[in-house]
Amino acid sequence: MPGTLVRLLITAISIVVAAYLVPGYLRIGGLESVLLFALVLAVLNALVRPILLFLALPLNLLTLGLFTFVVNGALFWLAARVPLGVQVEGFLGAFLAALVVSAVSFVLSKAVP
């Protein structure tokens, strides 16, 4: 359980960093909204992402895995549709924010033991 909470906090920090790096596309409300958004994103990544990746397997093979970035953007956009105080401007904003969140989460998860 502590590992899950650490992962949730890393995702929340990544969302705040993404809001700072892509301010025109991603707006966050407060700390509660960021934590709830990170929780919704985690649930979608656990339940919906495997199904989408399976359905997108031919495109993933064709693009050598680059279509996974589009799936990540779609999940970020879908999580932003839940009214929690995090707003994303269009799919491009979701795509860019998902890229930043993925990169920052990767770096932070390697830094935290």
PDB file of N, CA and C in Angstrom:
ATOM      1  N   MET A   1       0.809  -1.207   0.000  1.00  0.00           N
ATOM      2  CA  MET A   1       0.000   0.000   0.000  1.00  0.00           C
ATOM      3  C   MET A   1       0.846   1.263   0.000  1.00  0.00           C
ATOM      4  N   PRO A   2       1.960   1.314   0.759  1.00  0.00           N
ATOM      5  CA  PRO A   2       2.769   2.538   0.723  1.00  0.00           C
ATOM      6  C   PRO A   2       3.339   2.821  -0.669  1.00  0.00           C
ATOM      7  N   GLY A   3       3.673   1.773  -1.420  1.00  0.00           N
ATOM      8  CA  GLY A   3       4.176   1.961  -2.775  1.00  0.00           C
ATOM      9  C   GLY A   3       3.136   2.591  -3.684  1.00  0.00           C
ATOM     10  N   THR A   4       1.880   2.233  -3.487  1.00  0.00           N
ATOM     11  CA  THR A   4       0.802   2.810  -4.281  1.00  0.00           C
ATOM     12  C   THR A   4       0.620   4.288  -3.966  1.00  0.00           C
ATOM     13  N   LEU A   5       0.722   4.641  -2.703  1.00  0.00           N
ATOM     14  CA  LEU A   5       0.599   6.044  -2.314  1.00  0.00           C
ATOM     15  C   LEU A   5       1.757   6.868  -2.850  1.00  0.00           C
ATOM     16  N   VAL A   6       2.957   6.301  -2.828  1.00  0.00           N
ATOM     17  CA  VAL A   6       4.118   7.001  -3.384  1.00  0.00           C
ATOM     18  C   VAL A   6       3.929   7.212  -4.879  1.00  0.00           C
ATOM     19  N   ARG A   7       3.446   6.205  -5.553  1.00  0.00           N
ATOM     20  CA  ARG A   7       3.208   6.307  -7.003  1.00  0.00           C
ATOM     21  C   ARG A   7       2.136   7.357  -7.306  1.00  0.00           C
ATOM     22  N   LEU A   8       1.112   7.421  -6.478  1.00  0.00           N
ATOM     23  CA  LEU A   8       0.058   8.417  -6.642  1.00  0.00           C
ATOM     24  C   LEU A   8       0.600   9.827  -6.426  1.00  0.00           C
ATOM     25  N   LEU A   9       1.458   9.996  -5.431  1.00  0.00           N
ATOM     26  CA  LEU A   9       2.077  11.302  -5.186  1.00  0.00           C
ATOM     27  C   LEU A   9       3.021  11.696  -6.321  1.00  0.00           C
ATOM     28  N   ILE A  10       3.747  10.740  -6.859  1.00  0.00           N
ATOM     29  CA  ILE A  10       4.623  11.020  -7.999  1.00  0.00           C
ATOM     30  C   ILE A  10       3.796  11.477  -9.190  1.00  0.00           C
ATOM     31  N   THR A  11       2.675  10.825  -9.429  1.00  0.00           N
ATOM     32  CA  THR A  11       1.795  11.234 -10.529  1.00  0.00           C
ATOM     33  C   THR A  11       1.234  12.626 -10.286  1.00  0.00           C
ATOM     34  N   ALA A  12       0.841  12.921  -9.052  1.00  0.00           N
ATOM     35  CA  ALA A  12       0.305  14.247  -8.729  1.00  0.00           C
ATOM     36  C   ALA A  12       1.366  15.327  -8.942  1.00  0.00           C
ATOM     37  N   ILE A  13       2.587  15.073  -8.514  1.00  0.00           N
ATOM     38  CA  ILE A  13       3.673  16.032  -8.728  1.00  0.00           C
ATOM     39  C   ILE A  13       3.920  16.213 -10.225  1.00  0.00           C
ATOM     40  N   SER A  14       3.844  15.129 -10.978  1.00  0.00           N
ATOM     41  CA  SER A  14       4.037  15.205 -12.427  1.00  0.00           C
ATOM     42  C   SER A  14       2.951  16.042 -13.088  1.00  0.00           C
ATOM     43  N   ILE A  15       1.732  15.963 -12.590  1.00  0.00           N
ATOM     44  CA  ILE A  15       0.636  16.758 -13.148  1.00  0.00           C
ATOM     45  C   ILE A  15       0.866  18.239 -12.872  1.00  0.00           C
ATOM     46  N   VAL A  16       1.351  18.558 -11.681  1.00  0.00           N
ATOM     47  CA  VAL A  16       1.653  19.957 -11.355  1.00  0.00           C
ATOM     48  C   VAL A  16       2.775  20.481 -12.249  1.00  0.00           C
ATOM     49  N   VAL A  17       3.798  19.674 -12.469  1.00  0.00           N
ATOM     50  CA  VAL A  17       4.894  20.080 -13.355  1.00  0.00           C
ATOM     51  C   VAL A  17       4.383  20.266 -14.780  1.00  0.00           C
ATOM     52  N   ALA A  18       3.503  19.381 -15.226  1.00  0.00           N
ATOM     53  CA  ALA A  18       2.939  19.512 -16.571  1.00  0.00           C
ATOM     54  C   ALA A  18       2.113  20.775 -16.696  1.00  0.00           C
ATOM     55  N   ALA A  19       1.375  21.130 -15.655  1.00  0.00           N
ATOM     56  CA  ALA A  19       0.587  22.365 -15.691  1.00  0.00           C
ATOM     57  C   ALA A  19       1.502  23.579 -15.769  1.00  0.00           C
ATOM     58  N   TYR A  20       2.671  23.485 -15.170  1.00  0.00           N
ATOM     59  CA  TYR A  20       3.636  24.573 -15.233  1.00  0.00           C
ATOM     60  C   TYR A  20       4.294  24.651 -16.610  1.00  0.00           C
ATOM     61  N   LEU A  21       4.574  23.502 -17.224  1.00  0.00           N
ATOM     62  CA  LEU A  21       5.293  23.481 -18.498  1.00  0.00           C
ATOM     63  C   LEU A  21       4.392  23.727 -19.710  1.00  0.00           C
ATOM     64  N   VAL A  22       3.140  23.347 -19.628  1.00  0.00           N
ATOM     65  CA  VAL A  22       2.192  23.597 -20.729  1.00  0.00           C
ATOM     66  C   VAL A  22       0.999  24.390 -20.195  1.00  0.00           C
ATOM     67  N   PRO A  23       1.226  25.654 -19.808  1.00  0.00           N
ATOM     68  CA  PRO A  23       0.172  26.416 -19.118  1.00  0.00           C
ATOM     69  C   PRO A  23      -1.031  26.737 -19.993  1.00  0.00           C
ATOM     70  N   GLY A  24      -0.862  26.833 -21.277  1.00  0.00           N
ATOM     71  CA  GLY A  24      -2.003  27.144 -22.131  1.00  0.00           C
ATOM     72  C   GLY A  24      -2.936  25.971 -22.354  1.00  0.00           C
ATOM     73  N   TYR A  25      -2.453  24.777 -22.097  1.00  0.00           N
ATOM     74  CA  TYR A  25      -3.230  23.584 -22.386  1.00  0.00           C
ATOM     75  C   TYR A  25      -3.774  22.883 -21.138  1.00  0.00           C
ATOM     76  N   LEU A  26      -3.100  23.048 -20.012  1.00  0.00           N
ATOM     77  CA  LEU A  26      -3.485  22.327 -18.805  1.00  0.00           C
ATOM     78  C   LEU A  26      -3.597  23.307 -17.645  1.00  0.00           C
ATOM     79  N   ARG A  27      -4.763  23.289 -16.999  1.00  0.00           N
ATOM     80  CA  ARG A  27      -5.005  24.129 -15.827  1.00  0.00           C
ATOM     81  C   ARG A  27      -5.476  23.245 -14.679  1.00  0.00           C
ATOM     82  N   ILE A  28      -4.904  23.501 -13.497  1.00  0.00           N
ATOM     83  CA  ILE A  28      -5.277  22.709 -12.329  1.00  0.00           C
ATOM     84  C   ILE A  28      -5.922  23.623 -11.299  1.00  0.00           C
ATOM     85  N   GLY A  29      -6.811  23.040 -10.500  1.00  0.00           N
ATOM     86  CA  GLY A  29      -7.505  23.792  -9.472  1.00  0.00           C
ATOM     87  C   GLY A  29      -6.682  23.895  -8.211  1.00  0.00           C
ATOM     88  N   GLY A  30      -6.743  22.904  -7.387  1.00  0.00           N
ATOM     89  CA  GLY A  30      -6.021  22.907  -6.121  1.00  0.00           C
ATOM     90  C   GLY A  30      -5.398  21.553  -5.867  1.00  0.00           C
ATOM     91  N   LEU A  31      -4.871  21.399  -4.676  1.00  0.00           N
ATOM     92  CA  LEU A  31      -4.205  20.154  -4.313  1.00  0.00           C
ATOM     93  C   LEU A  31      -5.167  18.966  -4.332  1.00  0.00           C
ATOM     94  N   GLU A  32      -6.376  19.183  -3.838  1.00  0.00           N
ATOM     95  CA  GLU A  32      -7.358  18.089  -3.824  1.00  0.00           C
ATOM     96  C   GLU A  32      -7.709  17.645  -5.231  1.00  0.00           C
ATOM     97  N   SER A  33      -7.885  18.612  -6.117  1.00  0.00           N
ATOM     98  CA  SER A  33      -8.254  18.262  -7.489  1.00  0.00           C
ATOM     99  C   SER A  33      -7.122  17.520  -8.191  1.00  0.00           C
ATOM    100  N   VAL A  34      -5.881  17.891  -7.905  1.00  0.00           N
ATOM    101  CA  VAL A  34      -4.748  17.197  -8.516  1.00  0.00           C
ATOM    102  C   VAL A  34      -4.655  15.768  -7.996  1.00  0.00           C
ATOM    103  N   LEU A  35      -4.839  15.575  -6.703  1.00  0.00           N
ATOM    104  CA  LEU A  35      -4.785  14.220  -6.139  1.00  0.00           C
ATOM    105  C   LEU A  35      -5.918  13.342  -6.666  1.00  0.00           C
ATOM    106  N   LEU A  36      -7.124  13.902  -6.759  1.00  0.00           N
ATOM    107  CA  LEU A  36      -8.242  13.135  -7.317  1.00  0.00           C
ATOM    108  C   LEU A  36      -8.027  12.824  -8.793  1.00  0.00           C
ATOM    109  N   PHE A  37      -7.476  13.795  -9.531  1.00  0.00           N
ATOM    110  CA  PHE A  37      -7.192  13.562 -10.944  1.00  0.00           C
ATOM    111  C   PHE A  37      -6.138  12.463 -11.106  1.00  0.00           C
ATOM    112  N   ALA A  38      -5.120  12.472 -10.247  1.00  0.00           N
ATOM    113  CA  ALA A  38      -4.099  11.421 -10.294  1.00  0.00           C
ATOM    114  C   ALA A  38      -4.708  10.056  -9.990  1.00  0.00           C
ATOM    115  N   LEU A  39      -5.665  10.027  -9.069  1.00  0.00           N
ATOM    116  CA  LEU A  39      -6.345   8.773  -8.751  1.00  0.00           C
ATOM    117  C   LEU A  39      -7.185   8.284  -9.929  1.00  0.00           C
ATOM    118  N   VAL A  40      -7.928   9.189 -10.559  1.00  0.00           N
ATOM    119  CA  VAL A  40      -8.731   8.819 -11.733  1.00  0.00           C
ATOM    120  C   VAL A  40      -7.822   8.342 -12.861  1.00  0.00           C
ATOM    121  N   LEU A  41      -6.713   9.035 -13.060  1.00  0.00           N
ATOM    122  CA  LEU A  41      -5.763   8.641 -14.103  1.00  0.00           C
ATOM    123  C   LEU A  41      -5.176   7.258 -13.819  1.00  0.00           C
ATOM    124  N   ALA A  42      -4.885   6.979 -12.558  1.00  0.00           N
ATOM    125  CA  ALA A  42      -4.351   5.665 -12.187  1.00  0.00           C
ATOM    126  C   ALA A  42      -5.369   4.561 -12.433  1.00  0.00           C
ATOM    127  N   VAL A  43      -6.627   4.824 -12.108  1.00  0.00           N
ATOM    128  CA  VAL A  43      -7.673   3.822 -12.326  1.00  0.00           C
ATOM    129  C   VAL A  43      -7.859   3.573 -13.824  1.00  0.00           C
ATOM    130  N   LEU A  44      -7.876   4.647 -14.615  1.00  0.00           N
ATOM    131  CA  LEU A  44      -8.015   4.476 -16.068  1.00  0.00           C
ATOM    132  C   LEU A  44      -6.819   3.736 -16.652  1.00  0.00           C
ATOM    133  N   ASN A  45      -5.624   4.044 -16.159  1.00  0.00           N
ATOM    134  CA  ASN A  45      -4.436   3.343 -16.645  1.00  0.00           C
ATOM    135  C   ASN A  45      -4.468   1.869 -16.280  1.00  0.00           C
ATOM    136  N   ALA A  46      -5.066   1.544 -15.155  1.00  0.00           N
ATOM    137  CA  ALA A  46      -5.125   0.147 -14.729  1.00  0.00           C
ATOM    138  C   ALA A  46      -6.221  -0.638 -15.448  1.00  0.00           C
ATOM    139  N   LEU A  47      -7.349   0.010 -15.729  1.00  0.00           N
ATOM    140  CA  LEU A  47      -8.496  -0.713 -16.280  1.00  0.00           C
ATOM    141  C   LEU A  47      -8.674  -0.554 -17.793  1.00  0.00           C
ATOM    142  N   VAL A  48      -8.509   0.661 -18.292  1.00  0.00           N
ATOM    143  CA  VAL A  48      -8.834   0.928 -19.698  1.00  0.00           C
ATOM    144  C   VAL A  48      -7.608   0.818 -20.602  1.00  0.00           C
ATOM    145  N   ARG A  49      -6.440   1.210 -20.101  1.00  0.00           N
ATOM    146  CA  ARG A  49      -5.237   1.230 -20.937  1.00  0.00           C
ATOM    147  C   ARG A  49      -4.900  -0.136 -21.546  1.00  0.00           C
ATOM    148  N   PRO A  50      -4.959  -1.236 -20.790  1.00  0.00           N
ATOM    149  CA  PRO A  50      -4.649  -2.526 -21.415  1.00  0.00           C
ATOM    150  C   PRO A  50      -5.600  -2.873 -22.571  1.00  0.00           C
ATOM    151  N   ILE A  51      -6.860  -2.514 -22.421  1.00  0.00           N
ATOM    152  CA  ILE A  51      -7.829  -2.790 -23.493  1.00  0.00           C
ATOM    153  C   ILE A  51      -7.510  -1.954 -24.728  1.00  0.00           C
ATOM    154  N   LEU A  52      -7.231  -0.659 -24.512  1.00  0.00           N
ATOM    155  CA  LEU A  52      -6.897   0.207 -25.645  1.00  0.00           C
ATOM    156  C   LEU A  52      -5.607  -0.222 -26.328  1.00  0.00           C
ATOM    157  N   LEU A  53      -4.620  -0.621 -25.543  1.00  0.00           N
ATOM    158  CA  LEU A  53      -3.369  -1.079 -26.150  1.00  0.00           C
ATOM    159  C   LEU A  53      -3.564  -2.363 -26.942  1.00  0.00           C
ATOM    160  N   PHE A  54      -4.423  -3.240 -26.466  1.00  0.00           N
ATOM    161  CA  PHE A  54      -4.710  -4.462 -27.216  1.00  0.00           C
ATOM    162  C   PHE A  54      -5.418  -4.140 -28.538  1.00  0.00           C
ATOM    163  N   LEU A  55      -6.400  -3.228 -28.468  1.00  0.00           N
ATOM    164  CA  LEU A  55      -7.121  -2.855 -29.683  1.00  0.00           C
ATOM    165  C   LEU A  55      -6.236  -2.094 -30.669  1.00  0.00           C
ATOM    166  N   ALA A  56      -5.262  -1.365 -30.138  1.00  0.00           N
ATOM    167  CA  ALA A  56      -4.378  -0.574 -30.991  1.00  0.00           C
ATOM    168  C   ALA A  56      -3.105  -1.329 -31.376  1.00  0.00           C
ATOM    169  N   LEU A  57      -3.065  -2.607 -31.103  1.00  0.00           N
ATOM    170  CA  LEU A  57      -1.858  -3.384 -31.373  1.00  0.00           C
ATOM    171  C   LEU A  57      -1.399  -3.307 -32.830  1.00  0.00           C
ATOM    172  N   PRO A  58      -2.281  -3.405 -33.814  1.00  0.00           N
ATOM    173  CA  PRO A  58      -1.798  -3.282 -35.194  1.00  0.00           C
ATOM    174  C   PRO A  58      -1.155  -1.915 -35.479  1.00  0.00           C
ATOM    175  N   LEU A  59      -1.759  -0.849 -34.959  1.00  0.00           N
ATOM    176  CA  LEU A  59      -1.165   0.477 -35.150  1.00  0.00           C
ATOM    177  C   LEU A  59       0.148   0.617 -34.393  1.00  0.00           C
ATOM    178  N   ASN A  60       0.222   0.009 -33.222  1.00  0.00           N
ATOM    179  CA  ASN A  60       1.463   0.039 -32.459  1.00  0.00           C
ATOM    180  C   ASN A  60       2.577  -0.692 -33.197  1.00  0.00           C
ATOM    181  N   LEU A  61       2.248  -1.810 -33.800  1.00  0.00           N
ATOM    182  CA  LEU A  61       3.253  -2.541 -34.576  1.00  0.00           C
ATOM    183  C   LEU A  61       3.679  -1.746 -35.802  1.00  0.00           C
ATOM    184  N   LEU A  62       2.720  -1.116 -36.439  1.00  0.00           N
ATOM    185  CA  LEU A  62       3.015  -0.331 -37.640  1.00  0.00           C
ATOM    186  C   LEU A  62       3.880   0.884 -37.324  1.00  0.00           C
ATOM    187  N   THR A  63       3.643   1.521 -36.190  1.00  0.00           N
ATOM    188  CA  THR A  63       4.388   2.732 -35.824  1.00  0.00           C
ATOM    189  C   THR A  63       5.542   2.441 -34.870  1.00  0.00           C
ATOM    190  N   LEU A  64       5.850   1.175 -34.672  1.00  0.00           N
ATOM    191  CA  LEU A  64       6.940   0.747 -33.792  1.00  0.00           C
ATOM    192  C   LEU A  64       6.760   1.252 -32.364  1.00  0.00           C
ATOM    193  N   GLY A  65       5.520   1.243 -31.900  1.00  0.00           N
ATOM    194  CA  GLY A  65       5.217   1.592 -30.524  1.00  0.00           C
ATOM    195  C   GLY A  65       4.900   3.049 -30.279  1.00  0.00           C
ATOM    196  N   LEU A  66       5.029   3.898 -31.274  1.00  0.00           N
ATOM    197  CA  LEU A  66       4.776   5.323 -31.067  1.00  0.00           C
ATOM    198  C   LEU A  66       3.300   5.638 -30.860  1.00  0.00           C
ATOM    199  N   PHE A  67       2.423   4.763 -31.290  1.00  0.00           N
ATOM    200  CA  PHE A  67       0.996   5.002 -31.094  1.00  0.00           C
ATOM    201  C   PHE A  67       0.619   4.930 -29.610  1.00  0.00           C
ATOM    202  N   THR A  68       1.484   4.364 -28.797  1.00  0.00           N
ATOM    203  CA  THR A  68       1.244   4.318 -27.356  1.00  0.00           C
ATOM    204  C   THR A  68       1.127   5.732 -26.792  1.00  0.00           C
ATOM    205  N   PHE A  69       1.865   6.687 -27.369  1.00  0.00           N
ATOM    206  CA  PHE A  69       1.755   8.078 -26.923  1.00  0.00           C
ATOM    207  C   PHE A  69       0.358   8.622 -27.180  1.00  0.00           C
ATOM    208  N   VAL A  70      -0.246   8.231 -28.266  1.00  0.00           N
ATOM    209  CA  VAL A  70      -1.618   8.659 -28.571  1.00  0.00           C
ATOM    210  C   VAL A  70      -2.592   8.035 -27.575  1.00  0.00           C
ATOM    211  N   VAL A  71      -2.387   6.785 -27.213  1.00  0.00           N
ATOM    212  CA  VAL A  71      -3.234   6.126 -26.223  1.00  0.00           C
ATOM    213  C   VAL A  71      -3.096   6.833 -24.869  1.00  0.00           C
ATOM    214  N   ASN A  72      -1.864   7.191 -24.496  1.00  0.00           N
ATOM    215  CA  ASN A  72      -1.657   7.918 -23.238  1.00  0.00           C
ATOM    216  C   ASN A  72      -2.374   9.268 -23.268  1.00  0.00           C
ATOM    217  N   GLY A  73      -2.291   9.967 -24.393  1.00  0.00           N
ATOM    218  CA  GLY A  73      -2.992  11.239 -24.522  1.00  0.00           C
ATOM    219  C   GLY A  73      -4.497  11.062 -24.436  1.00  0.00           C
ATOM    220  N   ALA A  74      -5.011  10.003 -25.040  1.00  0.00           N
ATOM    221  CA  ALA A  74      -6.454   9.743 -24.990  1.00  0.00           C
ATOM    222  C   ALA A  74      -6.908   9.458 -23.564  1.00  0.00           C
ATOM    223  N   LEU A  75      -6.117   8.707 -22.811  1.00  0.00           N
ATOM    224  CA  LEU A  75      -6.472   8.425 -21.421  1.00  0.00           C
ATOM    225  C   LEU A  75      -6.404   9.694 -20.574  1.00  0.00           C
ATOM    226  N   PHE A  76      -5.424  10.547 -20.833  1.00  0.00           N
ATOM    227  CA  PHE A  76      -5.323  11.809 -20.100  1.00  0.00           C
ATOM    228  C   PHE A  76      -6.526  12.687 -20.419  1.00  0.00           C
ATOM    229  N   TRP A  77      -6.908  12.730 -21.680  1.00  0.00           N
ATOM    230  CA  TRP A  77      -8.073  13.514 -22.103  1.00  0.00           C
ATOM    231  C   TRP A  77      -9.353  12.954 -21.471  1.00  0.00           C
ATOM    232  N   LEU A  78      -9.467  11.630 -21.433  1.00  0.00           N
ATOM    233  CA  LEU A  78     -10.633  10.994 -20.828  1.00  0.00           C
ATOM    234  C   LEU A  78     -10.697  11.285 -19.329  1.00  0.00           C
ATOM    235  N   ALA A  79      -9.566  11.252 -18.655  1.00  0.00           N
ATOM    236  CA  ALA A  79      -9.544  11.573 -17.224  1.00  0.00           C
ATOM    237  C   ALA A  79      -9.906  13.033 -16.988  1.00  0.00           C
ATOM    238  N   ALA A  80      -9.551  13.897 -17.916  1.00  0.00           N
ATOM    239  CA  ALA A  80      -9.875  15.326 -17.773  1.00  0.00           C
ATOM    240  C   ALA A  80     -11.362  15.592 -17.981  1.00  0.00           C
ATOM    241  N   ARG A  81     -12.072  14.665 -18.601  1.00  0.00           N
ATOM    242  CA  ARG A  81     -13.519  14.833 -18.791  1.00  0.00           C
ATOM    243  C   ARG A  81     -14.281  14.692 -17.466  1.00  0.00           C
ATOM    244  N   VAL A  82     -13.675  14.051 -16.485  1.00  0.00           N
ATOM    245  CA  VAL A  82     -14.296  13.938 -15.162  1.00  0.00           C
ATOM    246  C   VAL A  82     -14.134  15.294 -14.475  1.00  0.00           C
ATOM    247  N   PRO A  83     -15.223  15.911 -14.039  1.00  0.00           N
ATOM    248  CA  PRO A  83     -15.134  17.269 -13.476  1.00  0.00           C
ATOM    249  C   PRO A  83     -14.499  17.296 -12.085  1.00  0.00           C
ATOM    250  N   LEU A  84     -13.180  17.426 -12.054  1.00  0.00           N
ATOM    251  CA  LEU A  84     -12.450  17.428 -10.790  1.00  0.00           C
ATOM    252  C   LEU A  84     -11.679  18.719 -10.548  1.00  0.00           C
ATOM    253  N   GLY A  85     -11.693  19.641 -11.479  1.00  0.00           N
ATOM    254  CA  GLY A  85     -10.931  20.872 -11.325  1.00  0.00           C
ATOM    255  C   GLY A  85      -9.683  20.910 -12.173  1.00  0.00           C
ATOM    256  N   VAL A  86      -9.434  19.875 -12.955  1.00  0.00           N
ATOM    257  CA  VAL A  86      -8.314  19.855 -13.890  1.00  0.00           C
ATOM    258  C   VAL A  86      -8.906  19.980 -15.285  1.00  0.00           C
ATOM    259  N   GLN A  87      -8.437  20.996 -16.023  1.00  0.00           N
ATOM    260  CA  GLN A  87      -8.987  21.262 -17.349  1.00  0.00           C
ATOM    261  C   GLN A  87      -7.888  21.121 -18.396  1.00  0.00           C
ATOM    262  N   VAL A  88      -8.234  20.465 -19.482  1.00  0.00           N
ATOM    263  CA  VAL A  88      -7.313  20.271 -20.595  1.00  0.00           C
ATOM    264  C   VAL A  88      -7.959  20.859 -21.836  1.00  0.00           C
ATOM    265  N   GLU A  89      -7.187  21.644 -22.578  1.00  0.00           N
ATOM    266  CA  GLU A  89      -7.682  22.259 -23.809  1.00  0.00           C
ATOM    267  C   GLU A  89      -7.397  21.348 -24.998  1.00  0.00           C
ATOM    268  N   GLY A  90      -8.372  20.563 -25.391  1.00  0.00           N
ATOM    269  CA  GLY A  90      -8.276  19.743 -26.595  1.00  0.00           C
ATOM    270  C   GLY A  90      -7.368  18.536 -26.453  1.00  0.00           C
ATOM    271  N   PHE A  91      -7.330  17.765 -27.527  1.00  0.00           N
ATOM    272  CA  PHE A  91      -6.526  16.553 -27.514  1.00  0.00           C
ATOM    273  C   PHE A  91      -5.038  16.868 -27.556  1.00  0.00           C
ATOM    274  N   LEU A  92      -4.651  17.941 -28.258  1.00  0.00           N
ATOM    275  CA  LEU A  92      -3.238  18.307 -28.301  1.00  0.00           C
ATOM    276  C   LEU A  92      -2.724  18.621 -26.899  1.00  0.00           C
ATOM    277  N   GLY A  93      -3.521  19.333 -26.125  1.00  0.00           N
ATOM    278  CA  GLY A  93      -3.133  19.619 -24.742  1.00  0.00           C
ATOM    279  C   GLY A  93      -3.002  18.361 -23.919  1.00  0.00           C
ATOM    280  N   ALA A  94      -3.933  17.433 -24.106  1.00  0.00           N
ATOM    281  CA  ALA A  94      -3.869  16.160 -23.381  1.00  0.00           C
ATOM    282  C   ALA A  94      -2.643  15.365 -23.802  1.00  0.00           C
ATOM    283  N   PHE A  95      -2.331  15.391 -25.090  1.00  0.00           N
ATOM    284  CA  PHE A  95      -1.174  14.672 -25.612  1.00  0.00           C
ATOM    285  C   PHE A  95       0.120  15.240 -25.023  1.00  0.00           C
ATOM    286  N   LEU A  96       0.259  16.570 -25.054  1.00  0.00           N
ATOM    287  CA  LEU A  96       1.461  17.205 -24.512  1.00  0.00           C
ATOM    288  C   LEU A  96       1.575  16.996 -23.006  1.00  0.00           C
ATOM    289  N   ALA A  97       0.458  17.148 -22.307  1.00  0.00           N
ATOM    290  CA  ALA A  97       0.474  16.953 -20.855  1.00  0.00           C
ATOM    291  C   ALA A  97       0.811  15.503 -20.508  1.00  0.00           C
ATOM    292  N   ALA A  98       0.284  14.562 -21.268  1.00  0.00           N
ATOM    293  CA  ALA A  98       0.587  13.151 -21.012  1.00  0.00           C
ATOM    294  C   ALA A  98       2.065  12.855 -21.249  1.00  0.00           C
ATOM    295  N   LEU A  99       2.660  13.502 -22.259  1.00  0.00           N
ATOM    296  CA  LEU A  99       4.095  13.329 -22.488  1.00  0.00           C
ATOM    297  C   LEU A  99       4.905  13.843 -21.308  1.00  0.00           C
ATOM    298  N   VAL A 100       4.545  15.024 -20.825  1.00  0.00           N
ATOM    299  CA  VAL A 100       5.277  15.602 -19.692  1.00  0.00           C
ATOM    300  C   VAL A 100       5.073  14.758 -18.441  1.00  0.00           C
ATOM    301  N   VAL A 101       3.843  14.345 -18.187  1.00  0.00           N
ATOM    302  CA  VAL A 101       3.567  13.528 -17.002  1.00  0.00           C
ATOM    303  C   VAL A 101       4.328  12.207 -17.077  1.00  0.00           C
ATOM    304  N   SER A 102       4.383  11.596 -18.237  1.00  0.00           N
ATOM    305  CA  SER A 102       5.117  10.338 -18.385  1.00  0.00           C
ATOM    306  C   SER A 102       6.605  10.537 -18.122  1.00  0.00           C
ATOM    307  N   ALA A 103       7.176  11.591 -18.692  1.00  0.00           N
ATOM    308  CA  ALA A 103       8.609  11.830 -18.525  1.00  0.00           C
ATOM    309  C   ALA A 103       8.957  12.167 -17.076  1.00  0.00           C
ATOM    310  N   VAL A 104       8.190  13.051 -16.466  1.00  0.00           N
ATOM    311  CA  VAL A 104       8.478  13.441 -15.082  1.00  0.00           C
ATOM    312  C   VAL A 104       8.228  12.272 -14.129  1.00  0.00           C
ATOM    313  N   SER A 105       7.184  11.501 -14.363  1.00  0.00           N
ATOM    314  CA  SER A 105       6.923  10.324 -13.528  1.00  0.00           C
ATOM    315  C   SER A 105       8.053   9.315 -13.625  1.00  0.00           C
ATOM    316  N   PHE A 106       8.584   9.143 -14.830  1.00  0.00           N
ATOM    317  CA  PHE A 106       9.688   8.218 -15.023  1.00  0.00           C
ATOM    318  C   PHE A 106      10.916   8.669 -14.231  1.00  0.00           C
ATOM    319  N   VAL A 107      11.238   9.952 -14.345  1.00  0.00           N
ATOM    320  CA  VAL A 107      12.414  10.477 -13.650  1.00  0.00           C
ATOM    321  C   VAL A 107      12.225  10.396 -12.130  1.00  0.00           C
ATOM    322  N   LEU A 108      11.063  10.806 -11.643  1.00  0.00           N
ATOM    323  CA  LEU A 108      10.816  10.765 -10.201  1.00  0.00           C
ATOM    324  C   LEU A 108      10.777   9.343  -9.649  1.00  0.00           C
ATOM    325  N   SER A 109      10.208   8.417 -10.415  1.00  0.00           N
ATOM    326  CA  SER A 109      10.149   7.039  -9.929  1.00  0.00           C
ATOM    327  C   SER A 109      11.539   6.404  -9.887  1.00  0.00           C
ATOM    328  N   LYS A 110      12.455   6.861 -10.727  1.00  0.00           N
ATOM    329  CA  LYS A 110      13.823   6.361 -10.663  1.00  0.00           C
ATOM    330  C   LYS A 110      14.581   7.017  -9.511  1.00  0.00           C
ATOM    331  N   ALA A 111      14.192   8.244  -9.143  1.00  0.00           N
ATOM    332  CA  ALA A 111      14.883   8.942  -8.062  1.00  0.00           C
ATOM    333  C   ALA A 111      14.421   8.467  -6.690  1.00  0.00           C
ATOM    334  N   VAL A 112      13.171   8.032  -6.586  1.00  0.00           N
ATOM    335  CA  VAL A 112      12.623   7.569  -5.315  1.00  0.00           C
ATOM    336  C   VAL A 112      12.802   6.057  -5.237  1.00  0.00           C
ATOM    337  N   PRO A 113      13.417   5.563  -4.174  1.00  0.00           N
ATOM    338  CA  PRO A 113      13.642   4.106  -4.090  1.00  0.00           C
ATOM    339  C   PRO A 113      12.377   3.326  -3.822  1.00  0.00           C
TER     340      PRO A 113
END
